[in-house]
Amino acid sequence: MFDGIYKYERENTNSHYYFIANMSDHNGTIEIGKVGLLDENNQIVKSGQRKISAFSYEILRDRKKKV
């Protein structure tokens, strides 16, 4: 946890998920270091600083590469 922001990672056979929740009463920012993550609407998330509103959450997904 950093400044009220929690990050949990989970994975299944197809994807790696990042559950991000802001449990504080103020807006915060997180650093997205990976390129090509998808949001809940399957839109590509830009790397860098990302604002997360107070008492909100986001689920980001990274598709696993098939070998």
PDB file of N, CA and C in Angstrom:
ATOM      1  N   MET A   1       0.842  -1.176   0.000  1.00  0.00           N
ATOM      2  CA  MET A   1       0.000   0.000   0.000  1.00  0.00           C
ATOM      3  C   MET A   1       0.887   1.239   0.000  1.00  0.00           C
ATOM      4  N   PHE A   2       0.528   2.193  -0.816  1.00  0.00           N
ATOM      5  CA  PHE A   2       1.225   3.476  -0.841  1.00  0.00           C
ATOM      6  C   PHE A   2       0.178   4.574  -0.850  1.00  0.00           C
ATOM      7  N   ASP A   3       0.130   5.363   0.211  1.00  0.00           N
ATOM      8  CA  ASP A   3      -0.792   6.498   0.318  1.00  0.00           C
ATOM      9  C   ASP A   3      -2.239   6.089   0.056  1.00  0.00           C
ATOM     10  N   GLY A   4      -2.636   4.937   0.596  1.00  0.00           N
ATOM     11  CA  GLY A   4      -4.016   4.479   0.449  1.00  0.00           C
ATOM     12  C   GLY A   4      -4.304   3.720  -0.824  1.00  0.00           C
ATOM     13  N   ILE A   5      -3.294   3.505  -1.657  1.00  0.00           N
ATOM     14  CA  ILE A   5      -3.498   2.788  -2.914  1.00  0.00           C
ATOM     15  C   ILE A   5      -2.953   1.367  -2.788  1.00  0.00           C
ATOM     16  N   TYR A   6      -3.820   0.405  -3.026  1.00  0.00           N
ATOM     17  CA  TYR A   6      -3.466  -1.008  -2.960  1.00  0.00           C
ATOM     18  C   TYR A   6      -3.320  -1.559  -4.368  1.00  0.00           C
ATOM     19  N   LYS A   7      -2.388  -2.487  -4.543  1.00  0.00           N
ATOM     20  CA  LYS A   7      -2.213  -3.155  -5.832  1.00  0.00           C
ATOM     21  C   LYS A   7      -2.087  -4.652  -5.580  1.00  0.00           C
ATOM     22  N   TYR A   8      -2.927  -5.426  -6.222  1.00  0.00           N
ATOM     23  CA  TYR A   8      -2.882  -6.878  -6.134  1.00  0.00           C
ATOM     24  C   TYR A   8      -2.687  -7.434  -7.532  1.00  0.00           C
ATOM     25  N   GLU A   9      -1.898  -8.469  -7.639  1.00  0.00           N
ATOM     26  CA  GLU A   9      -1.667  -9.122  -8.930  1.00  0.00           C
ATOM     27  C   GLU A   9      -2.203 -10.544  -8.878  1.00  0.00           C
ATOM     28  N   ARG A  10      -2.860 -10.937  -9.934  1.00  0.00           N
ATOM     29  CA  ARG A  10      -3.364 -12.296 -10.086  1.00  0.00           C
ATOM     30  C   ARG A  10      -3.159 -12.705 -11.537  1.00  0.00           C
ATOM     31  N   GLU A  11      -3.139 -14.009 -11.787  1.00  0.00           N
ATOM     32  CA  GLU A  11      -3.006 -14.471 -13.161  1.00  0.00           C
ATOM     33  C   GLU A  11      -3.766 -15.756 -13.383  1.00  0.00           C
ATOM     34  N   ASN A  12      -4.123 -15.976 -14.637  1.00  0.00           N
ATOM     35  CA  ASN A  12      -4.679 -17.254 -15.057  1.00  0.00           C
ATOM     36  C   ASN A  12      -3.883 -17.712 -16.273  1.00  0.00           C
ATOM     37  N   THR A  13      -4.362 -18.678 -16.997  1.00  0.00           N
ATOM     38  CA  THR A  13      -3.577 -19.217 -18.110  1.00  0.00           C
ATOM     39  C   THR A  13      -3.435 -18.236 -19.272  1.00  0.00           C
ATOM     40  N   ASN A  14      -4.339 -17.258 -19.383  1.00  0.00           N
ATOM     41  CA  ASN A  14      -4.314 -16.336 -20.517  1.00  0.00           C
ATOM     42  C   ASN A  14      -3.794 -14.938 -20.205  1.00  0.00           C
ATOM     43  N   SER A  15      -3.977 -14.476 -18.983  1.00  0.00           N
ATOM     44  CA  SER A  15      -3.688 -13.077 -18.664  1.00  0.00           C
ATOM     45  C   SER A  15      -3.096 -12.900 -17.272  1.00  0.00           C
ATOM     46  N   HIS A  16      -2.471 -11.756 -17.106  1.00  0.00           N
ATOM     47  CA  HIS A  16      -1.958 -11.305 -15.809  1.00  0.00           C
ATOM     48  C   HIS A  16      -2.781 -10.063 -15.461  1.00  0.00           C
ATOM     49  N   TYR A  17      -3.392 -10.037 -14.271  1.00  0.00           N
ATOM     50  CA  TYR A  17      -4.282  -8.947 -13.873  1.00  0.00           C
ATOM     51  C   TYR A  17      -3.655  -8.112 -12.765  1.00  0.00           C
ATOM     52  N   TYR A  18      -3.922  -6.811 -12.810  1.00  0.00           N
ATOM     53  CA  TYR A  18      -3.497  -5.868 -11.780  1.00  0.00           C
ATOM     54  C   TYR A  18      -4.750  -5.184 -11.249  1.00  0.00           C
ATOM     55  N   PHE A  19      -5.081  -5.450  -9.997  1.00  0.00           N
ATOM     56  CA  PHE A  19      -6.230  -4.828  -9.343  1.00  0.00           C
ATOM     57  C   PHE A  19      -5.695  -3.664  -8.518  1.00  0.00           C
ATOM     58  N   ILE A  20      -6.122  -2.460  -8.845  1.00  0.00           N
ATOM     59  CA  ILE A  20      -5.620  -1.260  -8.185  1.00  0.00           C
ATOM     60  C   ILE A  20      -6.810  -0.558  -7.545  1.00  0.00           C
ATOM     61  N   ALA A  21      -6.714  -0.272  -6.244  1.00  0.00           N
ATOM     62  CA  ALA A  21      -7.803   0.385  -5.526  1.00  0.00           C
ATOM     63  C   ALA A  21      -7.261   1.548  -4.715  1.00  0.00           C
ATOM     64  N   ASN A  22      -7.923   2.680  -4.805  1.00  0.00           N
ATOM     65  CA  ASN A  22      -7.588   3.842  -3.994  1.00  0.00           C
ATOM     66  C   ASN A  22      -8.586   3.876  -2.842  1.00  0.00           C
ATOM     67  N   MET A  23      -8.128   3.560  -1.656  1.00  0.00           N
ATOM     68  CA  MET A  23      -8.995   3.496  -0.482  1.00  0.00           C
ATOM     69  C   MET A  23      -8.961   4.793   0.323  1.00  0.00           C
ATOM     70  N   SER A  24      -8.301   5.818  -0.190  1.00  0.00           N
ATOM     71  CA  SER A  24      -8.203   7.081   0.528  1.00  0.00           C
ATOM     72  C   SER A  24      -9.293   8.059   0.065  1.00  0.00           C
ATOM     73  N   ASP A  25      -9.431   9.152   0.801  1.00  0.00           N
ATOM     74  CA  ASP A  25     -10.451  10.145   0.472  1.00  0.00           C
ATOM     75  C   ASP A  25      -9.910  11.258  -0.420  1.00  0.00           C
ATOM     76  N   HIS A  26      -8.786  11.016  -1.074  1.00  0.00           N
ATOM     77  CA  HIS A  26      -8.228  12.002  -2.005  1.00  0.00           C
ATOM     78  C   HIS A  26      -7.677  11.285  -3.246  1.00  0.00           C
ATOM     79  N   ASN A  27      -7.586  12.027  -4.341  1.00  0.00           N
ATOM     80  CA  ASN A  27      -7.053  11.468  -5.578  1.00  0.00           C
ATOM     81  C   ASN A  27      -5.597  11.094  -5.388  1.00  0.00           C
ATOM     82  N   GLY A  28      -5.152  10.117  -6.125  1.00  0.00           N
ATOM     83  CA  GLY A  28      -3.760   9.688  -6.064  1.00  0.00           C
ATOM     84  C   GLY A  28      -3.245   9.385  -7.457  1.00  0.00           C
ATOM     85  N   THR A  29      -1.974   9.048  -7.543  1.00  0.00           N
ATOM     86  CA  THR A  29      -1.391   8.653  -8.820  1.00  0.00           C
ATOM     87  C   THR A  29      -0.630   7.356  -8.630  1.00  0.00           C
ATOM     88  N   ILE A  30      -0.568   6.600  -9.700  1.00  0.00           N
ATOM     89  CA  ILE A  30       0.223   5.379  -9.722  1.00  0.00           C
ATOM     90  C   ILE A  30       1.125   5.440 -10.947  1.00  0.00           C
ATOM     91  N   GLU A  31       2.205   4.726 -10.894  1.00  0.00           N
ATOM     92  CA  GLU A  31       3.142   4.657 -12.020  1.00  0.00           C
ATOM     93  C   GLU A  31       2.888   3.361 -12.779  1.00  0.00           C
ATOM     94  N   ILE A  32       2.555   3.491 -14.055  1.00  0.00           N
ATOM     95  CA  ILE A  32       2.377   2.332 -14.920  1.00  0.00           C
ATOM     96  C   ILE A  32       3.678   2.165 -15.700  1.00  0.00           C
ATOM     97  N   GLY A  33       4.404   1.111 -15.401  1.00  0.00           N
ATOM     98  CA  GLY A  33       5.690   0.889 -16.041  1.00  0.00           C
ATOM     99  C   GLY A  33       5.639  -0.042 -17.238  1.00  0.00           C
ATOM    100  N   LYS A  34       4.589  -0.850 -17.305  1.00  0.00           N
ATOM    101  CA  LYS A  34       4.471  -1.800 -18.413  1.00  0.00           C
ATOM    102  C   LYS A  34       3.811  -1.150 -19.615  1.00  0.00           C
ATOM    103  N   VAL A  35       4.217  -1.570 -20.782  1.00  0.00           N
ATOM    104  CA  VAL A  35       3.628  -1.089 -22.034  1.00  0.00           C
ATOM    105  C   VAL A  35       2.635  -2.136 -22.525  1.00  0.00           C
ATOM    106  N   GLY A  36       1.489  -1.682 -23.009  1.00  0.00           N
ATOM    107  CA  GLY A  36       0.531  -2.602 -23.616  1.00  0.00           C
ATOM    108  C   GLY A  36      -0.512  -3.170 -22.679  1.00  0.00           C
ATOM    109  N   LEU A  37      -0.633  -2.638 -21.456  1.00  0.00           N
ATOM    110  CA  LEU A  37      -1.697  -3.099 -20.562  1.00  0.00           C
ATOM    111  C   LEU A  37      -3.044  -2.659 -21.109  1.00  0.00           C
ATOM    112  N   LEU A  38      -4.067  -3.450 -20.830  1.00  0.00           N
ATOM    113  CA  LEU A  38      -5.424  -3.128 -21.264  1.00  0.00           C
ATOM    114  C   LEU A  38      -6.276  -2.791 -20.053  1.00  0.00           C
ATOM    115  N   ASP A  39      -7.214  -1.823 -20.216  1.00  0.00           N
ATOM    116  CA  ASP A  39      -8.135  -1.514 -19.135  1.00  0.00           C
ATOM    117  C   ASP A  39      -9.370  -2.399 -19.260  1.00  0.00           C
ATOM    118  N   GLU A  40     -10.394  -2.107 -18.458  1.00  0.00           N
ATOM    119  CA  GLU A  40     -11.602  -2.936 -18.442  1.00  0.00           C
ATOM    120  C   GLU A  40     -12.382  -2.878 -19.751  1.00  0.00           C
ATOM    121  N   ASN A  41     -12.125  -1.851 -20.579  1.00  0.00           N
ATOM    122  CA  ASN A  41     -12.791  -1.716 -21.870  1.00  0.00           C
ATOM    123  C   ASN A  41     -11.908  -2.174 -23.029  1.00  0.00           C
ATOM    124  N   ASN A  42     -10.844  -2.894 -22.707  1.00  0.00           N
ATOM    125  CA  ASN A  42      -9.875  -3.388 -23.685  1.00  0.00           C
ATOM    126  C   ASN A  42      -9.169  -2.269 -24.444  1.00  0.00           C
ATOM    127  N   GLN A  43      -9.038  -1.112 -23.822  1.00  0.00           N
ATOM    128  CA  GLN A  43      -8.289   0.008 -24.383  1.00  0.00           C
ATOM    129  C   GLN A  43      -6.864  -0.040 -23.841  1.00  0.00           C
ATOM    130  N   ILE A  44      -5.901   0.286 -24.665  1.00  0.00           N
ATOM    131  CA  ILE A  44      -4.500   0.273 -24.230  1.00  0.00           C
ATOM    132  C   ILE A  44      -4.257   1.421 -23.258  1.00  0.00           C
ATOM    133  N   VAL A  45      -3.590   1.102 -22.152  1.00  0.00           N
ATOM    134  CA  VAL A  45      -3.255   2.078 -21.114  1.00  0.00           C
ATOM    135  C   VAL A  45      -1.841   2.576 -21.381  1.00  0.00           C
ATOM    136  N   LYS A  46      -1.664   3.894 -21.415  1.00  0.00           N
ATOM    137  CA  LYS A  46      -0.337   4.467 -21.626  1.00  0.00           C
ATOM    138  C   LYS A  46       0.514   4.275 -20.377  1.00  0.00           C
ATOM    139  N   SER A  47       1.792   4.029 -20.578  1.00  0.00           N
ATOM    140  CA  SER A  47       2.701   3.923 -19.433  1.00  0.00           C
ATOM    141  C   SER A  47       2.955   5.324 -18.883  1.00  0.00           C
ATOM    142  N   GLY A  48       3.399   5.393 -17.632  1.00  0.00           N
ATOM    143  CA  GLY A  48       3.658   6.664 -16.969  1.00  0.00           C
ATOM    144  C   GLY A  48       2.705   6.882 -15.808  1.00  0.00           C
ATOM    145  N   GLN A  49       2.587   8.114 -15.367  1.00  0.00           N
ATOM    146  CA  GLN A  49       1.716   8.456 -14.246  1.00  0.00           C
ATOM    147  C   GLN A  49       0.248   8.340 -14.662  1.00  0.00           C
ATOM    148  N   ARG A  50      -0.554   7.732 -13.776  1.00  0.00           N
ATOM    149  CA  ARG A  50      -1.986   7.585 -14.036  1.00  0.00           C
ATOM    150  C   ARG A  50      -2.742   8.028 -12.788  1.00  0.00           C
ATOM    151  N   LYS A  51      -3.718   8.913 -12.977  1.00  0.00           N
ATOM    152  CA  LYS A  51      -4.513   9.404 -11.853  1.00  0.00           C
ATOM    153  C   LYS A  51      -5.569   8.378 -11.485  1.00  0.00           C
ATOM    154  N   ILE A  52      -5.777   8.193 -10.189  1.00  0.00           N
ATOM    155  CA  ILE A  52      -6.843   7.313  -9.715  1.00  0.00           C
ATOM    156  C   ILE A  52      -7.642   8.082  -8.665  1.00  0.00           C
ATOM    157  N   SER A  53      -8.931   8.195  -8.893  1.00  0.00           N
ATOM    158  CA  SER A  53      -9.807   8.993  -8.039  1.00  0.00           C
ATOM    159  C   SER A  53      -9.973   8.364  -6.661  1.00  0.00           C
ATOM    160  N   ALA A  54     -10.385   9.200  -5.711  1.00  0.00           N
ATOM    161  CA  ALA A  54     -10.643   8.727  -4.347  1.00  0.00           C
ATOM    162  C   ALA A  54     -11.715   7.633  -4.367  1.00  0.00           C
ATOM    163  N   PHE A  55     -11.519   6.620  -3.542  1.00  0.00           N
ATOM    164  CA  PHE A  55     -12.464   5.509  -3.380  1.00  0.00           C
ATOM    165  C   PHE A  55     -12.855   4.869  -4.708  1.00  0.00           C
ATOM    166  N   SER A  56     -11.887   4.666  -5.589  1.00  0.00           N
ATOM    167  CA  SER A  56     -12.178   4.029  -6.874  1.00  0.00           C
ATOM    168  C   SER A  56     -11.202   2.873  -7.103  1.00  0.00           C
ATOM    169  N   TYR A  57     -11.444   2.124  -8.160  1.00  0.00           N
ATOM    170  CA  TYR A  57     -10.569   1.006  -8.500  1.00  0.00           C
ATOM    171  C   TYR A  57     -10.430   0.887 -10.004  1.00  0.00           C
ATOM    172  N   GLU A  58      -9.414   0.187 -10.431  1.00  0.00           N
ATOM    173  CA  GLU A  58      -9.203  -0.147 -11.837  1.00  0.00           C
ATOM    174  C   GLU A  58      -8.673  -1.567 -11.915  1.00  0.00           C
ATOM    175  N   ILE A  59      -9.010  -2.235 -12.983  1.00  0.00           N
ATOM    176  CA  ILE A  59      -8.473  -3.565 -13.253  1.00  0.00           C
ATOM    177  C   ILE A  59      -7.754  -3.481 -14.594  1.00  0.00           C
ATOM    178  N   LEU A  60      -6.468  -3.740 -14.561  1.00  0.00           N
ATOM    179  CA  LEU A  60      -5.656  -3.714 -15.779  1.00  0.00           C
ATOM    180  C   LEU A  60      -5.226  -5.135 -16.111  1.00  0.00           C
ATOM    181  N   ARG A  61      -5.037  -5.410 -17.396  1.00  0.00           N
ATOM    182  CA  ARG A  61      -4.741  -6.777 -17.827  1.00  0.00           C
ATOM    183  C   ARG A  61      -3.594  -6.773 -18.823  1.00  0.00           C
ATOM    184  N   ASP A  62      -2.767  -7.775 -18.699  1.00  0.00           N
ATOM    185  CA  ASP A  62      -1.668  -8.001 -19.624  1.00  0.00           C
ATOM    186  C   ASP A  62      -1.842  -9.400 -20.184  1.00  0.00           C
ATOM    187  N   ARG A  63      -2.024  -9.495 -21.485  1.00  0.00           N
ATOM    188  CA  ARG A  63      -2.189 -10.825 -22.098  1.00  0.00           C
ATOM    189  C   ARG A  63      -0.854 -11.549 -22.105  1.00  0.00           C
ATOM    190  N   LYS A  64      -0.899 -12.812 -21.749  1.00  0.00           N
ATOM    191  CA  LYS A  64       0.315 -13.628 -21.792  1.00  0.00           C
ATOM    192  C   LYS A  64       0.631 -13.996 -23.225  1.00  0.00           C
ATOM    193  N   LYS A  65       1.893 -14.024 -23.513  1.00  0.00           N
ATOM    194  CA  LYS A  65       2.355 -14.416 -24.851  1.00  0.00           C
ATOM    195  C   LYS A  65       2.297 -15.938 -24.971  1.00  0.00           C
ATOM    196  N   LYS A  66       1.767 -16.412 -26.077  1.00  0.00           N
ATOM    197  CA  LYS A  66       1.730 -17.851 -26.318  1.00  0.00           C
ATOM    198  C   LYS A  66       3.066 -18.285 -26.885  1.00  0.00           C
ATOM    199  N   VAL A  67       3.596 -19.328 -26.302  1.00  0.00           N
ATOM    200  CA  VAL A  67       4.907 -19.829 -26.725  1.00  0.00           C
ATOM    201  C   VAL A  67       4.731 -21.050 -27.589  1.00  0.00           C
TER     202      VAL A  67
END
